[in-house]
Amino acid sequence: MAERRVNVGWAEGLHARPASIFVRAATASGVAITISKADGNPVNAASMLAVLGLGAQGGEEIVLASEADGAEAALDRLAKLVAEGLEELPETV
């Protein structure tokens, strides 16, 4: 299983707009990905309600994981998005 641990770069955490950006990026990756708090249960990264339900705060560590083919590249891109608090999914890493 591929995994990335990253601190949330959006000051407001994964709420509203940042969660929407993240969910769109996770869906666009075409790879089944889970997200969790460092000590929590994983949820579907493509589900807006699940991501909002995490209550991940700015600076808090989250874990992105996947067992799918192409997971390494998808996780690298999502980790960069989250860590840097970007407004869109980076095209290259």
N, C-alpha and C. Protein backbone atom coordinates (compact mmCIF):
# COMPACT_ATOMS: atom_id res chain seq x y z
N MET A 1 0.84 -1.18 0.00
CA MET A 1 0.00 0.00 0.00
C MET A 1 0.88 1.24 0.00
N ALA A 2 0.58 2.16 -0.90
CA ALA A 2 1.30 3.43 -0.95
C ALA A 2 0.67 4.39 0.06
N GLU A 3 1.50 5.19 0.69
CA GLU A 3 1.01 6.10 1.73
C GLU A 3 1.84 7.37 1.75
N ARG A 4 1.19 8.49 2.04
CA ARG A 4 1.87 9.77 2.23
C ARG A 4 1.32 10.41 3.51
N ARG A 5 2.22 10.85 4.37
CA ARG A 5 1.83 11.61 5.56
C ARG A 5 2.20 13.05 5.30
N VAL A 6 1.25 13.94 5.52
CA VAL A 6 1.46 15.34 5.18
C VAL A 6 0.67 16.23 6.14
N ASN A 7 1.22 17.41 6.42
CA ASN A 7 0.51 18.38 7.25
C ASN A 7 -0.34 19.28 6.36
N VAL A 8 -1.55 19.56 6.78
CA VAL A 8 -2.48 20.38 6.02
C VAL A 8 -1.95 21.81 5.91
N GLY A 9 -1.77 22.28 4.68
CA GLY A 9 -1.19 23.60 4.43
C GLY A 9 -2.20 24.73 4.40
N TRP A 10 -3.47 24.43 4.29
CA TRP A 10 -4.49 25.48 4.32
C TRP A 10 -4.71 25.91 5.76
N ALA A 11 -4.62 27.20 6.03
CA ALA A 11 -4.77 27.70 7.40
C ALA A 11 -6.11 27.29 8.01
N GLU A 12 -7.16 27.28 7.19
CA GLU A 12 -8.49 26.93 7.69
C GLU A 12 -8.74 25.42 7.73
N GLY A 13 -7.74 24.64 7.36
CA GLY A 13 -7.88 23.19 7.37
C GLY A 13 -8.65 22.70 6.16
N LEU A 14 -9.11 21.46 6.22
CA LEU A 14 -9.88 20.88 5.11
C LEU A 14 -11.36 21.17 5.32
N HIS A 15 -11.72 22.43 5.17
CA HIS A 15 -13.10 22.87 5.34
C HIS A 15 -13.52 23.66 4.11
N ALA A 16 -14.77 23.54 3.74
CA ALA A 16 -15.39 24.27 2.65
C ALA A 16 -14.55 24.29 1.37
N ARG A 17 -13.97 25.44 1.03
CA ARG A 17 -13.26 25.57 -0.24
C ARG A 17 -12.05 24.61 -0.34
N PRO A 18 -11.18 24.55 0.65
CA PRO A 18 -10.05 23.60 0.53
C PRO A 18 -10.52 22.15 0.39
N ALA A 19 -11.57 21.77 1.10
CA ALA A 19 -12.07 20.40 0.98
C ALA A 19 -12.60 20.15 -0.43
N SER A 20 -13.27 21.14 -1.00
CA SER A 20 -13.79 21.03 -2.35
C SER A 20 -12.65 20.87 -3.35
N ILE A 21 -11.60 21.65 -3.20
CA ILE A 21 -10.42 21.55 -4.07
C ILE A 21 -9.81 20.16 -3.95
N PHE A 22 -9.66 19.69 -2.72
CA PHE A 22 -9.06 18.38 -2.48
C PHE A 22 -9.90 17.26 -3.09
N VAL A 23 -11.21 17.28 -2.85
CA VAL A 23 -12.09 16.22 -3.35
C VAL A 23 -12.09 16.19 -4.87
N ARG A 24 -12.14 17.36 -5.51
CA ARG A 24 -12.08 17.40 -6.98
C ARG A 24 -10.77 16.80 -7.47
N ALA A 25 -9.68 17.12 -6.82
CA ALA A 25 -8.36 16.59 -7.21
C ALA A 25 -8.29 15.08 -7.00
N ALA A 26 -8.82 14.60 -5.88
CA ALA A 26 -8.81 13.16 -5.60
C ALA A 26 -9.64 12.42 -6.63
N THR A 27 -10.78 12.97 -6.99
CA THR A 27 -11.65 12.36 -8.00
C THR A 27 -10.97 12.36 -9.36
N ALA A 28 -10.35 13.47 -9.71
CA ALA A 28 -9.68 13.61 -11.01
C ALA A 28 -8.49 12.67 -11.15
N SER A 29 -7.92 12.23 -10.05
CA SER A 29 -6.76 11.34 -10.12
C SER A 29 -7.11 9.99 -10.75
N GLY A 30 -8.37 9.60 -10.65
CA GLY A 30 -8.78 8.32 -11.21
C GLY A 30 -8.31 7.12 -10.40
N VAL A 31 -7.83 7.38 -9.20
CA VAL A 31 -7.29 6.34 -8.33
C VAL A 31 -8.10 6.34 -7.03
N ALA A 32 -8.45 5.16 -6.54
CA ALA A 32 -9.15 5.07 -5.26
C ALA A 32 -8.19 5.42 -4.14
N ILE A 33 -8.50 6.49 -3.40
CA ILE A 33 -7.61 7.01 -2.35
C ILE A 33 -8.41 7.19 -1.07
N THR A 34 -7.76 6.90 0.04
CA THR A 34 -8.37 7.19 1.34
C THR A 34 -7.58 8.30 2.02
N ILE A 35 -8.27 8.99 2.93
CA ILE A 35 -7.65 10.04 3.73
C ILE A 35 -8.06 9.82 5.18
N SER A 36 -7.14 10.08 6.09
CA SER A 36 -7.46 9.96 7.51
C SER A 36 -6.59 10.91 8.30
N LYS A 37 -7.01 11.18 9.52
CA LYS A 37 -6.11 11.85 10.45
C LYS A 37 -5.07 10.81 10.84
N ALA A 38 -3.96 11.27 11.36
CA ALA A 38 -2.86 10.35 11.69
C ALA A 38 -3.30 9.21 12.59
N ASP A 39 -4.25 9.45 13.46
CA ASP A 39 -4.69 8.43 14.41
C ASP A 39 -6.12 7.98 14.17
N GLY A 40 -6.67 8.28 12.98
CA GLY A 40 -8.07 7.99 12.73
C GLY A 40 -8.33 6.93 11.69
N ASN A 41 -9.60 6.70 11.44
CA ASN A 41 -10.03 5.73 10.44
C ASN A 41 -10.04 6.36 9.06
N PRO A 42 -9.60 5.64 8.04
CA PRO A 42 -9.58 6.19 6.69
C PRO A 42 -10.99 6.30 6.10
N VAL A 43 -11.19 7.36 5.30
CA VAL A 43 -12.44 7.58 4.59
C VAL A 43 -12.12 7.82 3.12
N ASN A 44 -13.12 7.73 2.28
CA ASN A 44 -12.99 7.94 0.84
C ASN A 44 -12.60 9.39 0.55
N ALA A 45 -11.46 9.60 -0.09
CA ALA A 45 -10.98 10.95 -0.39
C ALA A 45 -11.82 11.65 -1.45
N ALA A 46 -12.65 10.90 -2.19
CA ALA A 46 -13.49 11.49 -3.22
C ALA A 46 -14.87 11.87 -2.70
N SER A 47 -15.09 11.73 -1.40
CA SER A 47 -16.38 12.06 -0.79
C SER A 47 -16.29 13.36 0.00
N MET A 48 -17.01 14.36 -0.46
CA MET A 48 -16.98 15.67 0.22
C MET A 48 -17.44 15.54 1.68
N LEU A 49 -18.51 14.82 1.91
CA LEU A 49 -19.00 14.67 3.28
C LEU A 49 -17.99 13.96 4.18
N ALA A 50 -17.35 12.93 3.64
CA ALA A 50 -16.35 12.19 4.42
C ALA A 50 -15.15 13.07 4.76
N VAL A 51 -14.68 13.84 3.78
CA VAL A 51 -13.53 14.72 4.01
C VAL A 51 -13.88 15.81 5.02
N LEU A 52 -15.03 16.41 4.88
CA LEU A 52 -15.46 17.43 5.84
C LEU A 52 -15.60 16.83 7.24
N GLY A 53 -16.09 15.59 7.29
CA GLY A 53 -16.28 14.90 8.56
C GLY A 53 -14.99 14.64 9.33
N LEU A 54 -13.86 14.66 8.64
CA LEU A 54 -12.58 14.46 9.33
C LEU A 54 -12.29 15.61 10.29
N GLY A 55 -12.70 16.81 9.91
CA GLY A 55 -12.41 17.98 10.74
C GLY A 55 -10.92 18.27 10.82
N ALA A 56 -10.20 18.01 9.75
CA ALA A 56 -8.74 18.23 9.74
C ALA A 56 -8.44 19.73 9.78
N GLN A 57 -7.63 20.14 10.73
CA GLN A 57 -7.26 21.53 10.95
C GLN A 57 -5.95 21.87 10.23
N GLY A 58 -5.73 23.15 9.99
CA GLY A 58 -4.47 23.59 9.40
C GLY A 58 -3.30 23.15 10.26
N GLY A 59 -2.27 22.58 9.63
CA GLY A 59 -1.09 22.11 10.33
C GLY A 59 -1.20 20.70 10.87
N GLU A 60 -2.38 20.14 10.87
CA GLU A 60 -2.59 18.79 11.38
C GLU A 60 -2.12 17.75 10.37
N GLU A 61 -1.56 16.64 10.86
CA GLU A 61 -1.09 15.59 9.97
C GLU A 61 -2.25 14.73 9.49
N ILE A 62 -2.26 14.46 8.18
CA ILE A 62 -3.21 13.53 7.60
C ILE A 62 -2.44 12.45 6.85
N VAL A 63 -3.12 11.35 6.57
CA VAL A 63 -2.52 10.23 5.86
C VAL A 63 -3.34 9.97 4.60
N LEU A 64 -2.67 9.99 3.46
CA LEU A 64 -3.27 9.64 2.18
C LEU A 64 -2.77 8.25 1.82
N ALA A 65 -3.66 7.36 1.38
CA ALA A 65 -3.24 5.99 1.08
C ALA A 65 -4.02 5.42 -0.09
N SER A 66 -3.40 4.47 -0.79
CA SER A 66 -4.05 3.80 -1.90
C SER A 66 -3.31 2.51 -2.23
N GLU A 67 -4.08 1.53 -2.70
CA GLU A 67 -3.52 0.26 -3.16
C GLU A 67 -3.62 0.13 -4.68
N ALA A 68 -4.14 1.13 -5.35
CA ALA A 68 -4.42 1.07 -6.78
C ALA A 68 -3.15 1.23 -7.62
N ASP A 69 -3.23 0.78 -8.87
CA ASP A 69 -2.17 1.05 -9.82
C ASP A 69 -2.11 2.56 -10.05
N GLY A 70 -0.92 3.10 -10.13
CA GLY A 70 -0.76 4.54 -10.32
C GLY A 70 -0.87 5.33 -9.04
N ALA A 71 -0.91 4.63 -7.91
CA ALA A 71 -1.10 5.30 -6.62
C ALA A 71 0.06 6.24 -6.27
N GLU A 72 1.28 5.84 -6.55
CA GLU A 72 2.44 6.64 -6.15
C GLU A 72 2.36 8.05 -6.71
N ALA A 73 2.13 8.17 -8.01
CA ALA A 73 2.06 9.49 -8.65
C ALA A 73 0.87 10.29 -8.16
N ALA A 74 -0.29 9.62 -8.03
CA ALA A 74 -1.49 10.32 -7.56
C ALA A 74 -1.31 10.83 -6.14
N LEU A 75 -0.71 10.02 -5.28
CA LEU A 75 -0.49 10.44 -3.89
C LEU A 75 0.52 11.57 -3.80
N ASP A 76 1.56 11.52 -4.65
CA ASP A 76 2.54 12.61 -4.66
C ASP A 76 1.86 13.94 -5.00
N ARG A 77 1.00 13.91 -6.01
CA ARG A 77 0.32 15.14 -6.44
C ARG A 77 -0.65 15.65 -5.35
N LEU A 78 -1.42 14.74 -4.75
CA LEU A 78 -2.35 15.16 -3.71
C LEU A 78 -1.61 15.64 -2.46
N ALA A 79 -0.51 14.99 -2.13
CA ALA A 79 0.26 15.41 -0.96
C ALA A 79 0.80 16.83 -1.16
N LYS A 80 1.27 17.12 -2.38
CA LYS A 80 1.76 18.47 -2.68
C LYS A 80 0.63 19.48 -2.57
N LEU A 81 -0.53 19.15 -3.11
CA LEU A 81 -1.69 20.02 -3.05
C LEU A 81 -2.03 20.36 -1.60
N VAL A 82 -2.10 19.35 -0.75
CA VAL A 82 -2.48 19.54 0.65
C VAL A 82 -1.39 20.27 1.44
N ALA A 83 -0.15 19.85 1.29
CA ALA A 83 0.95 20.43 2.07
C ALA A 83 1.15 21.91 1.76
N GLU A 84 0.99 22.27 0.49
CA GLU A 84 1.24 23.65 0.09
C GLU A 84 -0.02 24.50 0.06
N GLY A 85 -1.18 23.88 0.33
CA GLY A 85 -2.42 24.63 0.34
C GLY A 85 -2.72 25.27 -1.00
N LEU A 86 -2.49 24.51 -2.08
CA LEU A 86 -2.65 25.04 -3.43
C LEU A 86 -4.12 25.20 -3.80
N GLU A 87 -4.38 26.00 -4.83
CA GLU A 87 -5.74 26.24 -5.30
C GLU A 87 -6.19 25.24 -6.36
N GLU A 88 -5.26 24.45 -6.89
CA GLU A 88 -5.61 23.43 -7.86
C GLU A 88 -4.56 22.34 -7.86
N LEU A 89 -4.91 21.21 -8.43
CA LEU A 89 -4.00 20.07 -8.49
C LEU A 89 -2.80 20.40 -9.35
N PRO A 90 -1.58 20.20 -8.85
CA PRO A 90 -0.40 20.49 -9.67
C PRO A 90 -0.31 19.51 -10.84
N GLU A 91 0.06 20.01 -12.00
CA GLU A 91 0.18 19.17 -13.19
C GLU A 91 1.40 18.26 -13.09
N THR A 92 2.46 18.77 -12.52
CA THR A 92 3.68 17.96 -12.37
C THR A 92 4.18 18.08 -10.94
N VAL A 93 4.92 17.08 -10.55
CA VAL A 93 5.51 17.08 -9.20
C VAL A 93 6.99 16.95 -9.36
